[in-house]
Protein backbone atom coordinates (compact mmCIF):
# COMPACT_ATOMS: atom_id res chain seq x y z
CA MET A 1 43.57 -12.63 -158.36
CA ALA A 2 40.95 -11.17 -156.02
CA ILE A 3 43.51 -10.77 -153.25
CA GLU A 4 45.92 -8.95 -155.55
CA SER A 5 43.25 -6.58 -156.68
CA ARG A 6 42.23 -5.88 -153.10
CA LEU A 7 45.82 -5.30 -152.18
CA ARG A 8 46.22 -2.73 -154.89
CA GLU A 9 43.08 -0.96 -153.83
CA LEU A 10 44.10 -0.86 -150.20
CA ASP A 11 47.61 0.25 -151.02
CA SER A 12 46.18 3.14 -153.18
CA ARG A 13 43.83 4.19 -150.34
CA HIS A 14 46.75 4.00 -147.89
CA ARG A 15 48.96 6.33 -150.04
CA ASP A 16 45.99 8.71 -150.54
CA LEU A 17 45.52 8.89 -146.77
CA GLU A 18 49.18 9.62 -146.28
CA ALA A 19 48.97 12.48 -148.77
CA ARG A 20 45.86 13.86 -147.05
CA ILE A 21 47.55 13.71 -143.64
CA GLU A 22 50.61 15.52 -144.92
CA ASP A 23 48.46 18.10 -146.65
CA ALA A 24 46.37 18.67 -143.55
CA LYS A 25 49.52 19.24 -141.46
CA LYS A 26 50.63 22.07 -143.77
CA HIS A 27 47.55 24.16 -143.20
CA PRO A 28 47.85 27.02 -140.63
CA SER A 29 44.74 25.94 -138.79
CA VAL A 30 45.66 22.29 -138.26
CA ASP A 31 42.75 20.15 -137.09
CA TRP A 32 44.57 17.52 -135.03
CA THR A 33 41.27 15.68 -134.44
CA GLN A 34 40.90 15.18 -138.18
CA ILE A 35 44.56 14.19 -138.53
CA SER A 36 44.13 11.65 -135.69
CA GLU A 37 41.12 10.15 -137.39
CA LEU A 38 42.90 9.94 -140.78
CA LYS A 39 45.85 8.23 -139.03
CA ARG A 40 43.46 5.75 -137.35
CA VAL A 41 41.90 4.86 -140.70
CA LYS A 42 45.40 4.64 -142.33
CA LEU A 43 46.53 2.19 -139.56
CA LYS A 44 43.48 -0.01 -140.10
CA LEU A 45 44.22 -0.14 -143.83
CA LYS A 46 47.83 -1.03 -143.08
CA GLU A 47 46.70 -3.85 -140.84
CA GLU A 48 44.35 -5.21 -143.46
CA LEU A 49 47.12 -4.96 -146.04
CA GLU A 50 49.53 -6.92 -143.85
CA THR A 51 46.85 -9.57 -143.11
CA LEU A 52 46.10 -10.02 -146.82
CA ARG A 53 49.82 -10.15 -147.75
CA ARG A 54 50.40 -12.90 -145.14
CA ARG A 55 47.40 -14.80 -146.43
CA ASP A 56 48.52 -14.38 -150.02
CA ARG A 57 52.04 -15.77 -149.23
CA ARG A 58 50.60 -18.92 -147.71
CA HIS A 59 48.81 -19.87 -150.90
């Protein structure tokens, strides 16, 4: 159950970051440094999600 809860939490954070990235791109004064940082964090979340999903399938 702990893995499932963590997966839901990470998935929610991943979706939130996607929305923040899209919102940031819409602003006239786009801060590409901030967008790059958000994308980096989003990628780390995706990697953790994939690792946990693989681990969950094995059990």
